[in-house]
Amino acid sequence: FVGHKALEAIRAQGGAASKLVGLVLEDRGVLRGHQAVIVPGTDLRGEVTSGTYSPTLERSIAFARVPRQTTDKVLVDIRGKHLPARVVKLPFVRNGRILIDL
């Protein structure tokens, strides 16, 4: 297909520079798209792709594209405040059952 050569080049360099993860906000607030995700102790940054409040989890959740080196704790820039968030494995919920540790 058309993008075959580009994907082979990425694979040869060790893979993509970023990954898609789930975020759960630890404090009060609502995660929204295009908010900056900061990896503490580094200059690495990512971005929330989409976010909202989850009534099932009773917390704010989001999908985010972050650097591959990201660990389990990040900060999200919400209107100038850096609020702590936890990186979790997707999906958050399936068939009404919570699949992440709260």
PDB file of N, CA and C in Angstrom:
ATOM      1  N   PHE A   1       0.830  -1.191   0.000  1.00  0.00           N
ATOM      2  CA  PHE A   1       0.000   0.000   0.000  1.00  0.00           C
ATOM      3  C   PHE A   1       0.868   1.245   0.000  1.00  0.00           C
ATOM      4  N   VAL A   2       0.268   2.404  -0.099  1.00  0.00           N
ATOM      5  CA  VAL A   2       0.991   3.656  -0.301  1.00  0.00           C
ATOM      6  C   VAL A   2       1.952   3.981   0.851  1.00  0.00           C
ATOM      7  N   GLY A   3       1.579   3.741   2.080  1.00  0.00           N
ATOM      8  CA  GLY A   3       2.408   4.115   3.229  1.00  0.00           C
ATOM      9  C   GLY A   3       3.388   3.055   3.681  1.00  0.00           C
ATOM     10  N   HIS A   4       3.554   1.991   2.919  1.00  0.00           N
ATOM     11  CA  HIS A   4       4.414   0.878   3.320  1.00  0.00           C
ATOM     12  C   HIS A   4       5.851   1.312   3.605  1.00  0.00           C
ATOM     13  N   LYS A   5       6.446   2.093   2.736  1.00  0.00           N
ATOM     14  CA  LYS A   5       7.834   2.520   2.909  1.00  0.00           C
ATOM     15  C   LYS A   5       8.004   3.393   4.154  1.00  0.00           C
ATOM     16  N   ALA A   6       7.056   4.268   4.410  1.00  0.00           N
ATOM     17  CA  ALA A   6       7.125   5.132   5.593  1.00  0.00           C
ATOM     18  C   ALA A   6       7.045   4.301   6.875  1.00  0.00           C
ATOM     19  N   LEU A   7       6.167   3.307   6.910  1.00  0.00           N
ATOM     20  CA  LEU A   7       6.057   2.453   8.091  1.00  0.00           C
ATOM     21  C   LEU A   7       7.311   1.605   8.293  1.00  0.00           C
ATOM     22  N   GLU A   8       7.905   1.136   7.226  1.00  0.00           N
ATOM     23  CA  GLU A   8       9.152   0.372   7.324  1.00  0.00           C
ATOM     24  C   GLU A   8      10.275   1.248   7.887  1.00  0.00           C
ATOM     25  N   ALA A   9      10.325   2.511   7.494  1.00  0.00           N
ATOM     26  CA  ALA A   9      11.342   3.432   8.009  1.00  0.00           C
ATOM     27  C   ALA A   9      11.161   3.673   9.504  1.00  0.00           C
ATOM     28  N   ILE A  10       9.921   3.823   9.948  1.00  0.00           N
ATOM     29  CA  ILE A  10       9.635   4.006  11.374  1.00  0.00           C
ATOM     30  C   ILE A  10      10.036   2.760  12.150  1.00  0.00           C
ATOM     31  N   ARG A  11       9.707   1.596  11.645  1.00  0.00           N
ATOM     32  CA  ARG A  11      10.059   0.338  12.303  1.00  0.00           C
ATOM     33  C   ARG A  11      11.584   0.186  12.391  1.00  0.00           C
ATOM     34  N   ALA A  12      12.301   0.577  11.350  1.00  0.00           N
ATOM     35  CA  ALA A  12      13.762   0.474  11.341  1.00  0.00           C
ATOM     36  C   ALA A  12      14.408   1.391  12.381  1.00  0.00           C
ATOM     37  N   GLN A  13      13.743   2.493  12.728  1.00  0.00           N
ATOM     38  CA  GLN A  13      14.261   3.432  13.728  1.00  0.00           C
ATOM     39  C   GLN A  13      13.882   3.038  15.145  1.00  0.00           C
ATOM     40  N   GLY A  14      13.216   1.915  15.327  1.00  0.00           N
ATOM     41  CA  GLY A  14      12.861   1.462  16.671  1.00  0.00           C
ATOM     42  C   GLY A  14      11.417   1.707  17.048  1.00  0.00           C
ATOM     43  N   GLY A  15      10.582   2.106  16.135  1.00  0.00           N
ATOM     44  CA  GLY A  15       9.164   2.306  16.416  1.00  0.00           C
ATOM     45  C   GLY A  15       8.782   3.767  16.515  1.00  0.00           C
ATOM     46  N   ALA A  16       7.520   3.984  16.763  1.00  0.00           N
ATOM     47  CA  ALA A  16       6.980   5.341  16.843  1.00  0.00           C
ATOM     48  C   ALA A  16       7.508   6.054  18.086  1.00  0.00           C
ATOM     49  N   ALA A  17       7.588   7.380  18.016  1.00  0.00           N
ATOM     50  CA  ALA A  17       8.095   8.185  19.128  1.00  0.00           C
ATOM     51  C   ALA A  17       7.047   8.388  20.211  1.00  0.00           C
ATOM     52  N   SER A  18       5.775   8.125  19.894  1.00  0.00           N
ATOM     53  CA  SER A  18       4.713   8.341  20.880  1.00  0.00           C
ATOM     54  C   SER A  18       3.786   7.137  20.939  1.00  0.00           C
ATOM     55  N   LYS A  19       2.947   7.127  21.981  1.00  0.00           N
ATOM     56  CA  LYS A  19       1.984   6.045  22.160  1.00  0.00           C
ATOM     57  C   LYS A  19       0.661   6.624  22.662  1.00  0.00           C
ATOM     58  N   LEU A  20      -0.421   5.898  22.435  1.00  0.00           N
ATOM     59  CA  LEU A  20      -1.748   6.308  22.890  1.00  0.00           C
ATOM     60  C   LEU A  20      -2.028   5.630  24.223  1.00  0.00           C
ATOM     61  N   VAL A  21      -2.390   6.419  25.237  1.00  0.00           N
ATOM     62  CA  VAL A  21      -2.658   5.889  26.572  1.00  0.00           C
ATOM     63  C   VAL A  21      -3.965   6.464  27.105  1.00  0.00           C
ATOM     64  N   GLY A  22      -4.439   5.893  28.179  1.00  0.00           N
ATOM     65  CA  GLY A  22      -5.575   6.434  28.908  1.00  0.00           C
ATOM     66  C   GLY A  22      -5.074   7.229  30.098  1.00  0.00           C
ATOM     67  N   LEU A  23      -5.780   8.301  30.434  1.00  0.00           N
ATOM     68  CA  LEU A  23      -5.447   9.110  31.611  1.00  0.00           C
ATOM     69  C   LEU A  23      -6.647   9.176  32.536  1.00  0.00           C
ATOM     70  N   VAL A  24      -6.385   9.120  33.832  1.00  0.00           N
ATOM     71  CA  VAL A  24      -7.406   9.337  34.852  1.00  0.00           C
ATOM     72  C   VAL A  24      -6.914  10.486  35.714  1.00  0.00           C
ATOM     73  N   LEU A  25      -7.696  11.558  35.775  1.00  0.00           N
ATOM     74  CA  LEU A  25      -7.308  12.741  36.551  1.00  0.00           C
ATOM     75  C   LEU A  25      -7.458  12.448  38.033  1.00  0.00           C
ATOM     76  N   GLU A  26      -6.419  12.759  38.818  1.00  0.00           N
ATOM     77  CA  GLU A  26      -6.424  12.488  40.257  1.00  0.00           C
ATOM     78  C   GLU A  26      -7.192  13.556  41.044  1.00  0.00           C
ATOM     79  N   ASP A  27      -7.190  14.797  40.570  1.00  0.00           N
ATOM     80  CA  ASP A  27      -7.879  15.897  41.247  1.00  0.00           C
ATOM     81  C   ASP A  27      -9.185  16.217  40.539  1.00  0.00           C
ATOM     82  N   ARG A  28      -9.882  17.229  41.065  1.00  0.00           N
ATOM     83  CA  ARG A  28     -11.093  17.699  40.403  1.00  0.00           C
ATOM     84  C   ARG A  28     -10.727  18.482  39.159  1.00  0.00           C
ATOM     85  N   GLY A  29     -11.528  18.351  38.140  1.00  0.00           N
ATOM     86  CA  GLY A  29     -11.298  19.036  36.880  1.00  0.00           C
ATOM     87  C   GLY A  29     -11.813  18.165  35.753  1.00  0.00           C
ATOM     88  N   VAL A  30     -11.826  18.710  34.556  1.00  0.00           N
ATOM     89  CA  VAL A  30     -12.282  17.949  33.393  1.00  0.00           C
ATOM     90  C   VAL A  30     -11.213  18.007  32.318  1.00  0.00           C
ATOM     91  N   LEU A  31     -10.820  16.841  31.834  1.00  0.00           N
ATOM     92  CA  LEU A  31      -9.844  16.757  30.757  1.00  0.00           C
ATOM     93  C   LEU A  31     -10.536  17.023  29.430  1.00  0.00           C
ATOM     94  N   ARG A  32      -9.899  17.822  28.580  1.00  0.00           N
ATOM     95  CA  ARG A  32     -10.426  18.169  27.262  1.00  0.00           C
ATOM     96  C   ARG A  32      -9.332  18.022  26.221  1.00  0.00           C
ATOM     97  N   GLY A  33      -9.722  17.929  24.984  1.00  0.00           N
ATOM     98  CA  GLY A  33      -8.771  17.798  23.888  1.00  0.00           C
ATOM     99  C   GLY A  33      -7.818  18.970  23.799  1.00  0.00           C
ATOM    100  N   HIS A  34      -6.603  18.700  23.347  1.00  0.00           N
ATOM    101  CA  HIS A  34      -5.542  19.675  23.109  1.00  0.00           C
ATOM    102  C   HIS A  34      -4.907  20.238  24.374  1.00  0.00           C
ATOM    103  N   GLN A  35      -5.190  19.662  25.539  1.00  0.00           N
ATOM    104  CA  GLN A  35      -4.492  20.077  26.747  1.00  0.00           C
ATOM    105  C   GLN A  35      -3.116  19.406  26.760  1.00  0.00           C
ATOM    106  N   ALA A  36      -2.117  20.117  27.265  1.00  0.00           N
ATOM    107  CA  ALA A  36      -0.748  19.598  27.295  1.00  0.00           C
ATOM    108  C   ALA A  36      -0.592  18.563  28.400  1.00  0.00           C
ATOM    109  N   VAL A  37       0.129  17.491  28.082  1.00  0.00           N
ATOM    110  CA  VAL A  37       0.474  16.453  29.056  1.00  0.00           C
ATOM    111  C   VAL A  37       1.979  16.559  29.279  1.00  0.00           C
ATOM    112  N   ILE A  38       2.382  16.734  30.543  1.00  0.00           N
ATOM    113  CA  ILE A  38       3.778  16.963  30.892  1.00  0.00           C
ATOM    114  C   ILE A  38       4.308  15.737  31.638  1.00  0.00           C
ATOM    115  N   VAL A  39       5.457  15.236  31.202  1.00  0.00           N
ATOM    116  CA  VAL A  39       6.110  14.123  31.888  1.00  0.00           C
ATOM    117  C   VAL A  39       7.028  14.734  32.934  1.00  0.00           C
ATOM    118  N   PRO A  40       6.750  14.519  34.247  1.00  0.00           N
ATOM    119  CA  PRO A  40       7.543  15.156  35.300  1.00  0.00           C
ATOM    120  C   PRO A  40       9.024  14.780  35.222  1.00  0.00           C
ATOM    121  N   GLY A  41       9.887  15.768  35.501  1.00  0.00           N
ATOM    122  CA  GLY A  41      11.321  15.541  35.524  1.00  0.00           C
ATOM    123  C   GLY A  41      11.978  15.535  34.154  1.00  0.00           C
ATOM    124  N   THR A  42      11.212  15.797  33.099  1.00  0.00           N
ATOM    125  CA  THR A  42      11.767  15.824  31.743  1.00  0.00           C
ATOM    126  C   THR A  42      11.187  17.016  30.993  1.00  0.00           C
ATOM    127  N   ASP A  43      11.669  17.218  29.788  1.00  0.00           N
ATOM    128  CA  ASP A  43      11.108  18.245  28.906  1.00  0.00           C
ATOM    129  C   ASP A  43      10.100  17.638  27.940  1.00  0.00           C
ATOM    130  N   LEU A  44       9.755  16.375  28.130  1.00  0.00           N
ATOM    131  CA  LEU A  44       8.846  15.677  27.222  1.00  0.00           C
ATOM    132  C   LEU A  44       7.412  16.129  27.444  1.00  0.00           C
ATOM    133  N   ARG A  45       6.686  16.269  26.330  1.00  0.00           N
ATOM    134  CA  ARG A  45       5.290  16.682  26.393  1.00  0.00           C
ATOM    135  C   ARG A  45       4.466  15.857  25.429  1.00  0.00           C
ATOM    136  N   GLY A  46       3.201  15.704  25.780  1.00  0.00           N
ATOM    137  CA  GLY A  46       2.240  15.051  24.919  1.00  0.00           C
ATOM    138  C   GLY A  46       1.004  15.915  24.833  1.00  0.00           C
ATOM    139  N   GLU A  47      -0.102  15.324  24.364  1.00  0.00           N
ATOM    140  CA  GLU A  47      -1.335  16.089  24.200  1.00  0.00           C
ATOM    141  C   GLU A  47      -2.538  15.185  24.401  1.00  0.00           C
ATOM    142  N   VAL A  48      -3.543  15.715  25.092  1.00  0.00           N
ATOM    143  CA  VAL A  48      -4.816  15.011  25.233  1.00  0.00           C
ATOM    144  C   VAL A  48      -5.515  15.044  23.885  1.00  0.00           C
ATOM    145  N   THR A  49      -5.943  13.883  23.398  1.00  0.00           N
ATOM    146  CA  THR A  49      -6.655  13.848  22.124  1.00  0.00           C
ATOM    147  C   THR A  49      -8.149  14.015  22.333  1.00  0.00           C
ATOM    148  N   SER A  50      -8.681  13.443  23.412  1.00  0.00           N
ATOM    149  CA  SER A  50     -10.086  13.650  23.768  1.00  0.00           C
ATOM    150  C   SER A  50     -10.259  13.316  25.236  1.00  0.00           C
ATOM    151  N   GLY A  51     -11.180  14.008  25.887  1.00  0.00           N
ATOM    152  CA  GLY A  51     -11.410  13.768  27.303  1.00  0.00           C
ATOM    153  C   GLY A  51     -12.783  14.220  27.731  1.00  0.00           C
ATOM    154  N   THR A  52     -13.250  13.666  28.851  1.00  0.00           N
ATOM    155  CA  THR A  52     -14.565  13.999  29.383  1.00  0.00           C
ATOM    156  C   THR A  52     -14.676  13.480  30.807  1.00  0.00           C
ATOM    157  N   TYR A  53     -15.831  13.696  31.429  1.00  0.00           N
ATOM    158  CA  TYR A  53     -16.128  13.153  32.746  1.00  0.00           C
ATOM    159  C   TYR A  53     -16.808  11.803  32.560  1.00  0.00           C
ATOM    160  N   SER A  54     -16.382  10.793  33.322  1.00  0.00           N
ATOM    161  CA  SER A  54     -16.979   9.468  33.256  1.00  0.00           C
ATOM    162  C   SER A  54     -17.904   9.255  34.446  1.00  0.00           C
ATOM    163  N   PRO A  55     -19.217   9.147  34.221  1.00  0.00           N
ATOM    164  CA  PRO A  55     -20.131   8.887  35.335  1.00  0.00           C
ATOM    165  C   PRO A  55     -19.894   7.518  35.969  1.00  0.00           C
ATOM    166  N   THR A  56     -19.477   6.543  35.192  1.00  0.00           N
ATOM    167  CA  THR A  56     -19.221   5.202  35.729  1.00  0.00           C
ATOM    168  C   THR A  56     -18.035   5.215  36.678  1.00  0.00           C
ATOM    169  N   LEU A  57     -16.964   5.900  36.294  1.00  0.00           N
ATOM    170  CA  LEU A  57     -15.756   5.961  37.127  1.00  0.00           C
ATOM    171  C   LEU A  57     -15.797   7.100  38.138  1.00  0.00           C
ATOM    172  N   GLU A  58     -16.715   8.040  37.925  1.00  0.00           N
ATOM    173  CA  GLU A  58     -16.840   9.238  38.752  1.00  0.00           C
ATOM    174  C   GLU A  58     -15.533  10.031  38.780  1.00  0.00           C
ATOM    175  N   ARG A  59     -14.877  10.091  37.633  1.00  0.00           N
ATOM    176  CA  ARG A  59     -13.623  10.815  37.461  1.00  0.00           C
ATOM    177  C   ARG A  59     -13.533  11.329  36.030  1.00  0.00           C
ATOM    178  N   SER A  60     -12.608  12.236  35.814  1.00  0.00           N
ATOM    179  CA  SER A  60     -12.347  12.719  34.469  1.00  0.00           C
ATOM    180  C   SER A  60     -11.343  11.777  33.802  1.00  0.00           C
ATOM    181  N   ILE A  61     -11.630  11.389  32.557  1.00  0.00           N
ATOM    182  CA  ILE A  61     -10.768  10.463  31.823  1.00  0.00           C
ATOM    183  C   ILE A  61     -10.428  11.043  30.458  1.00  0.00           C
ATOM    184  N   ALA A  62      -9.367  10.508  29.844  1.00  0.00           N
ATOM    185  CA  ALA A  62      -8.967  11.007  28.525  1.00  0.00           C
ATOM    186  C   ALA A  62      -8.109   9.984  27.804  1.00  0.00           C
ATOM    187  N   PHE A  63      -8.061  10.143  26.475  1.00  0.00           N
ATOM    188  CA  PHE A  63      -7.051   9.499  25.647  1.00  0.00           C
ATOM    189  C   PHE A  63      -5.981  10.546  25.418  1.00  0.00           C
ATOM    190  N   ALA A  64      -4.718  10.130  25.432  1.00  0.00           N
ATOM    191  CA  ALA A  64      -3.636  11.084  25.206  1.00  0.00           C
ATOM    192  C   ALA A  64      -2.536  10.436  24.384  1.00  0.00           C
ATOM    193  N   ARG A  65      -1.911  11.230  23.552  1.00  0.00           N
ATOM    194  CA  ARG A  65      -0.744  10.817  22.787  1.00  0.00           C
ATOM    195  C   ARG A  65       0.449  11.361  23.555  1.00  0.00           C
ATOM    196  N   VAL A  66       1.291  10.464  24.089  1.00  0.00           N
ATOM    197  CA  VAL A  66       2.417  10.847  24.946  1.00  0.00           C
ATOM    198  C   VAL A  66       3.712  10.232  24.419  1.00  0.00           C
ATOM    199  N   PRO A  67       4.867  10.770  24.833  1.00  0.00           N
ATOM    200  CA  PRO A  67       6.142  10.173  24.425  1.00  0.00           C
ATOM    201  C   PRO A  67       6.258   8.731  24.919  1.00  0.00           C
ATOM    202  N   ARG A  68       6.939   7.906  24.186  1.00  0.00           N
ATOM    203  CA  ARG A  68       7.079   6.489  24.511  1.00  0.00           C
ATOM    204  C   ARG A  68       7.712   6.281  25.892  1.00  0.00           C
ATOM    205  N   GLN A  69       8.560   7.215  26.366  1.00  0.00           N
ATOM    206  CA  GLN A  69       9.254   7.081  27.654  1.00  0.00           C
ATOM    207  C   GLN A  69       8.361   7.399  28.851  1.00  0.00           C
ATOM    208  N   THR A  70       7.114   7.755  28.633  1.00  0.00           N
ATOM    209  CA  THR A  70       6.215   8.150  29.712  1.00  0.00           C
ATOM    210  C   THR A  70       5.996   7.003  30.687  1.00  0.00           C
ATOM    211  N   THR A  71       6.038   7.327  31.984  1.00  0.00           N
ATOM    212  CA  THR A  71       5.791   6.324  33.025  1.00  0.00           C
ATOM    213  C   THR A  71       4.330   6.381  33.444  1.00  0.00           C
ATOM    214  N   ASP A  72       4.024   6.034  34.688  1.00  0.00           N
ATOM    215  CA  ASP A  72       2.632   5.942  35.124  1.00  0.00           C
ATOM    216  C   ASP A  72       2.055   7.233  35.707  1.00  0.00           C
ATOM    217  N   LYS A  73       2.852   8.256  35.917  1.00  0.00           N
ATOM    218  CA  LYS A  73       2.367   9.533  36.458  1.00  0.00           C
ATOM    219  C   LYS A  73       2.728  10.673  35.510  1.00  0.00           C
ATOM    220  N   VAL A  74       1.750  11.549  35.254  1.00  0.00           N
ATOM    221  CA  VAL A  74       1.970  12.724  34.405  1.00  0.00           C
ATOM    222  C   VAL A  74       1.245  13.915  35.016  1.00  0.00           C
ATOM    223  N   LEU A  75       1.487  15.083  34.457  1.00  0.00           N
ATOM    224  CA  LEU A  75       0.766  16.301  34.829  1.00  0.00           C
ATOM    225  C   LEU A  75       0.033  16.795  33.595  1.00  0.00           C
ATOM    226  N   VAL A  76      -1.179  17.312  33.804  1.00  0.00           N
ATOM    227  CA  VAL A  76      -1.955  17.864  32.702  1.00  0.00           C
ATOM    228  C   VAL A  76      -2.150  19.354  32.960  1.00  0.00           C
ATOM    229  N   ASP A  77      -1.835  20.169  31.957  1.00  0.00           N
ATOM    230  CA  ASP A  77      -1.972  21.614  32.060  1.00  0.00           C
ATOM    231  C   ASP A  77      -3.422  21.992  31.774  1.00  0.00           C
ATOM    232  N   ILE A  78      -4.163  22.323  32.844  1.00  0.00           N
ATOM    233  CA  ILE A  78      -5.559  22.740  32.718  1.00  0.00           C
ATOM    234  C   ILE A  78      -5.645  24.200  33.153  1.00  0.00           C
ATOM    235  N   ARG A  79      -5.791  25.070  32.177  1.00  0.00           N
ATOM    236  CA  ARG A  79      -5.889  26.520  32.418  1.00  0.00           C
ATOM    237  C   ARG A  79      -4.750  27.053  33.279  1.00  0.00           C
ATOM    238  N   GLY A  80      -3.527  26.615  32.998  1.00  0.00           N
ATOM    239  CA  GLY A  80      -2.363  27.114  33.713  1.00  0.00           C
ATOM    240  C   GLY A  80      -2.000  26.356  34.967  1.00  0.00           C
ATOM    241  N   LYS A  81      -2.852  25.453  35.434  1.00  0.00           N
ATOM    242  CA  LYS A  81      -2.553  24.624  36.600  1.00  0.00           C
ATOM    243  C   LYS A  81      -2.103  23.255  36.130  1.00  0.00           C
ATOM    244  N   HIS A  82      -1.082  22.720  36.774  1.00  0.00           N
ATOM    245  CA  HIS A  82      -0.599  21.391  36.440  1.00  0.00           C
ATOM    246  C   HIS A  82      -1.188  20.386  37.428  1.00  0.00           C
ATOM    247  N   LEU A  83      -2.194  19.645  36.972  1.00  0.00           N
ATOM    248  CA  LEU A  83      -2.883  18.684  37.823  1.00  0.00           C
ATOM    249  C   LEU A  83      -2.374  17.267  37.556  1.00  0.00           C
ATOM    250  N   PRO A  84      -2.215  16.454  38.624  1.00  0.00           N
ATOM    251  CA  PRO A  84      -1.694  15.095  38.449  1.00  0.00           C
ATOM    252  C   PRO A  84      -2.721  14.170  37.812  1.00  0.00           C
ATOM    253  N   ALA A  85      -2.217  13.304  36.932  1.00  0.00           N
ATOM    254  CA  ALA A  85      -3.050  12.284  36.297  1.00  0.00           C
ATOM    255  C   ALA A  85      -2.263  10.984  36.276  1.00  0.00           C
ATOM    256  N   ARG A  86      -2.990   9.883  36.203  1.00  0.00           N
ATOM    257  CA  ARG A  86      -2.387   8.559  36.179  1.00  0.00           C
ATOM    258  C   ARG A  86      -2.567   7.953  34.795  1.00  0.00           C
ATOM    259  N   VAL A  87      -1.523   7.334  34.282  1.00  0.00           N
ATOM    260  CA  VAL A  87      -1.586   6.643  32.995  1.00  0.00           C
ATOM    261  C   VAL A  87      -2.137   5.244  33.249  1.00  0.00           C
ATOM    262  N   VAL A  88      -3.177   4.858  32.495  1.00  0.00           N
ATOM    263  CA  VAL A  88      -3.806   3.544  32.670  1.00  0.00           C
ATOM    264  C   VAL A  88      -3.920   2.836  31.329  1.00  0.00           C
ATOM    265  N   LYS A  89      -4.096   1.533  31.402  1.00  0.00           N
ATOM    266  CA  LYS A  89      -4.268   0.718  30.209  1.00  0.00           C
ATOM    267  C   LYS A  89      -5.715   0.833  29.727  1.00  0.00           C
ATOM    268  N   LEU A  90      -5.885   0.889  28.427  1.00  0.00           N
ATOM    269  CA  LEU A  90      -7.221   0.984  27.837  1.00  0.00           C
ATOM    270  C   LEU A  90      -7.789  -0.413  27.638  1.00  0.00           C
ATOM    271  N   PRO A  91      -9.092  -0.598  27.659  1.00  0.00           N
ATOM    272  CA  PRO A  91     -10.171   0.367  27.870  1.00  0.00           C
ATOM    273  C   PRO A  91     -10.412   0.613  29.361  1.00  0.00           C
ATOM    274  N   PHE A  92     -11.137   1.680  29.657  1.00  0.00           N
ATOM    275  CA  PHE A  92     -11.464   2.026  31.034  1.00  0.00           C
ATOM    276  C   PHE A  92     -12.564   1.119  31.573  1.00  0.00           C
ATOM    277  N   VAL A  93     -13.604   0.930  30.759  1.00  0.00           N
ATOM    278  CA  VAL A  93     -14.801   0.183  31.159  1.00  0.00           C
ATOM    279  C   VAL A  93     -15.243  -0.686  29.987  1.00  0.00           C
ATOM    280  N   ARG A  94     -15.738  -1.878  30.289  1.00  0.00           N
ATOM    281  CA  ARG A  94     -16.322  -2.724  29.237  1.00  0.00           C
ATOM    282  C   ARG A  94     -17.577  -3.381  29.811  1.00  0.00           C
ATOM    283  N   ASN A  95     -18.672  -3.248  29.101  1.00  0.00           N
ATOM    284  CA  ASN A  95     -19.965  -3.829  29.504  1.00  0.00           C
ATOM    285  C   ASN A  95     -20.349  -3.416  30.931  1.00  0.00           C
ATOM    286  N   GLY A  96     -20.085  -2.146  31.280  1.00  0.00           N
ATOM    287  CA  GLY A  96     -20.453  -1.628  32.591  1.00  0.00           C
ATOM    288  C   GLY A  96     -19.521  -2.039  33.709  1.00  0.00           C
ATOM    289  N   ARG A  97     -18.478  -2.809  33.401  1.00  0.00           N
ATOM    290  CA  ARG A  97     -17.529  -3.273  34.413  1.00  0.00           C
ATOM    291  C   ARG A  97     -16.251  -2.443  34.333  1.00  0.00           C
ATOM    292  N   ILE A  98     -15.803  -1.910  35.459  1.00  0.00           N
ATOM    293  CA  ILE A  98     -14.598  -1.085  35.522  1.00  0.00           C
ATOM    294  C   ILE A  98     -13.372  -1.983  35.393  1.00  0.00           C
ATOM    295  N   LEU A  99     -12.490  -1.646  34.452  1.00  0.00           N
ATOM    296  CA  LEU A  99     -11.315  -2.477  34.168  1.00  0.00           C
ATOM    297  C   LEU A  99     -10.004  -1.891  34.668  1.00  0.00           C
ATOM    298  N   ILE A 100     -10.044  -0.719  35.304  1.00  0.00           N
ATOM    299  CA  ILE A 100      -8.825  -0.098  35.815  1.00  0.00           C
ATOM    300  C   ILE A 100      -8.902  -0.023  37.332  1.00  0.00           C
ATOM    301  N   ASP A 101      -7.732   0.128  37.971  1.00  0.00           N
ATOM    302  CA  ASP A 101      -7.693   0.329  39.421  1.00  0.00           C
ATOM    303  C   ASP A 101      -7.972   1.785  39.734  1.00  0.00           C
ATOM    304  N   LEU A 102      -8.909   2.014  40.646  1.00  0.00           N
ATOM    305  CA  LEU A 102      -9.216   3.377  41.046  1.00  0.00           C
ATOM    306  C   LEU A 102      -8.479   3.639  42.321  1.00  0.00           C
TER     307      LEU A 102
END
